[in-house]
Amino acid sequence: MNNSELSKYQEIINHPHYEPKHHTRMSKEMRAAQFAPYAALSGHANAIRRTAKFAALRSKRIIETNND
């Protein structure tokens, strides 16, 4: 960051971090728990790719399927 960029923030650079007065800060564990559901989707993209590849091969009749 050069001096001209730094001078834009000189007025606020040493201000204390805002702390809410009406509610307590969320614990790290609770904050992490908010994002836990997304971890369940970690294999979802791979499953979609495999399904798309299978469908493409089936449409080209490279893979035969039994619908019995």
C-alpha atoms as a PDB file:
ATOM      1  CA  MET A   1       0.000   0.000   0.000  1.00  0.00           C
ATOM      2  CA  ASN A   2       1.550   3.319  -0.998  1.00  0.00           C
ATOM      3  CA  ASN A   3       1.355   6.617   0.925  1.00  0.00           C
ATOM      4  CA  SER A   4      -1.581   8.053  -1.025  1.00  0.00           C
ATOM      5  CA  GLU A   5      -3.662   4.946  -0.355  1.00  0.00           C
ATOM      6  CA  LEU A   6      -2.636   4.909   3.292  1.00  0.00           C
ATOM      7  CA  SER A   7      -3.514   8.580   3.774  1.00  0.00           C
ATOM      8  CA  LYS A   8      -7.133   7.826   2.825  1.00  0.00           C
ATOM      9  CA  TYR A   9      -7.455   5.601   5.885  1.00  0.00           C
ATOM     10  CA  GLN A  10      -5.378   7.539   8.428  1.00  0.00           C
ATOM     11  CA  GLU A  11      -8.499   8.931  10.092  1.00  0.00           C
ATOM     12  CA  ILE A  12      -9.938   5.492  10.866  1.00  0.00           C
ATOM     13  CA  ILE A  13      -6.874   3.259  11.004  1.00  0.00           C
ATOM     14  CA  ASN A  14      -6.480   3.403  14.801  1.00  0.00           C
ATOM     15  CA  HIS A  15     -10.152   3.198  15.754  1.00  0.00           C
ATOM     16  CA  PRO A  16     -11.103   0.275  17.994  1.00  0.00           C
ATOM     17  CA  HIS A  17     -12.931  -2.671  16.466  1.00  0.00           C
ATOM     18  CA  TYR A  18     -16.714  -2.361  16.737  1.00  0.00           C
ATOM     19  CA  GLU A  19     -18.273  -4.503  19.467  1.00  0.00           C
ATOM     20  CA  PRO A  20     -22.059  -4.891  19.476  1.00  0.00           C
ATOM     21  CA  LYS A  21     -23.775  -3.687  22.650  1.00  0.00           C
ATOM     22  CA  HIS A  22     -27.025  -5.630  22.369  1.00  0.00           C
ATOM     23  CA  HIS A  23     -25.783  -9.156  21.800  1.00  0.00           C
ATOM     24  CA  THR A  24     -22.711 -11.177  22.645  1.00  0.00           C
ATOM     25  CA  ARG A  25     -20.217 -12.302  20.059  1.00  0.00           C
ATOM     26  CA  MET A  26     -20.746 -15.766  18.603  1.00  0.00           C
ATOM     27  CA  SER A  27     -18.286 -18.428  19.744  1.00  0.00           C
ATOM     28  CA  LYS A  28     -15.940 -19.959  17.179  1.00  0.00           C
ATOM     29  CA  GLU A  29     -17.710 -23.302  17.594  1.00  0.00           C
ATOM     30  CA  MET A  30     -21.129 -21.804  16.867  1.00  0.00           C
ATOM     31  CA  ARG A  31     -19.768 -19.858  13.911  1.00  0.00           C
ATOM     32  CA  ALA A  32     -18.199 -23.021  12.480  1.00  0.00           C
ATOM     33  CA  ALA A  33     -21.475 -24.901  12.967  1.00  0.00           C
ATOM     34  CA  GLN A  34     -23.200 -22.448  10.629  1.00  0.00           C
ATOM     35  CA  PHE A  35     -21.045 -23.684   7.747  1.00  0.00           C
ATOM     36  CA  ALA A  36     -21.158 -27.399   8.589  1.00  0.00           C
ATOM     37  CA  PRO A  37     -24.123 -28.187   6.270  1.00  0.00           C
ATOM     38  CA  TYR A  38     -22.030 -27.162   3.255  1.00  0.00           C
ATOM     39  CA  ALA A  39     -19.452 -29.820   4.094  1.00  0.00           C
ATOM     40  CA  ALA A  40     -22.077 -32.477   3.337  1.00  0.00           C
ATOM     41  CA  LEU A  41     -22.083 -31.303  -0.279  1.00  0.00           C
ATOM     42  CA  SER A  42     -18.355 -31.880  -0.755  1.00  0.00           C
ATOM     43  CA  GLY A  43     -18.895 -34.963  -2.945  1.00  0.00           C
ATOM     44  CA  HIS A  44     -21.928 -33.570  -4.731  1.00  0.00           C
ATOM     45  CA  ALA A  45     -20.023 -32.023  -7.667  1.00  0.00           C
ATOM     46  CA  ASN A  46     -18.177 -35.295  -8.330  1.00  0.00           C
ATOM     47  CA  ALA A  47     -21.449 -37.241  -8.289  1.00  0.00           C
ATOM     48  CA  ILE A  48     -22.959 -34.825 -10.814  1.00  0.00           C
ATOM     49  CA  ARG A  49     -19.909 -35.175 -13.093  1.00  0.00           C
ATOM     50  CA  ARG A  50     -20.057 -38.985 -12.922  1.00  0.00           C
ATOM     51  CA  THR A  51     -23.774 -38.975 -13.710  1.00  0.00           C
ATOM     52  CA  ALA A  52     -23.287 -36.601 -16.648  1.00  0.00           C
ATOM     53  CA  LYS A  53     -20.454 -38.752 -18.035  1.00  0.00           C
ATOM     54  CA  PHE A  54     -22.552 -41.897 -17.673  1.00  0.00           C
ATOM     55  CA  ALA A  55     -25.507 -40.225 -19.423  1.00  0.00           C
ATOM     56  CA  ALA A  56     -23.280 -39.046 -22.283  1.00  0.00           C
ATOM     57  CA  LEU A  57     -21.815 -42.520 -22.796  1.00  0.00           C
ATOM     58  CA  ARG A  58     -25.270 -44.084 -22.617  1.00  0.00           C
ATOM     59  CA  SER A  59     -26.612 -41.632 -25.205  1.00  0.00           C
ATOM     60  CA  LYS A  60     -23.742 -42.596 -27.544  1.00  0.00           C
ATOM     61  CA  ARG A  61     -24.630 -46.262 -26.901  1.00  0.00           C
ATOM     62  CA  ILE A  62     -21.149 -46.918 -25.503  1.00  0.00           C
ATOM     63  CA  ILE A  63     -22.778 -48.199 -22.320  1.00  0.00           C
ATOM     64  CA  GLU A  64     -25.774 -50.468 -22.543  1.00  0.00           C
ATOM     65  CA  THR A  65     -28.320 -50.294 -19.769  1.00  0.00           C
ATOM     66  CA  ASN A  66     -30.790 -52.924 -18.740  1.00  0.00           C
ATOM     67  CA  ASN A  67     -34.154 -51.472 -17.855  1.00  0.00           C
ATOM     68  CA  ASP A  68     -35.677 -54.832 -16.912  1.00  0.00           C
END
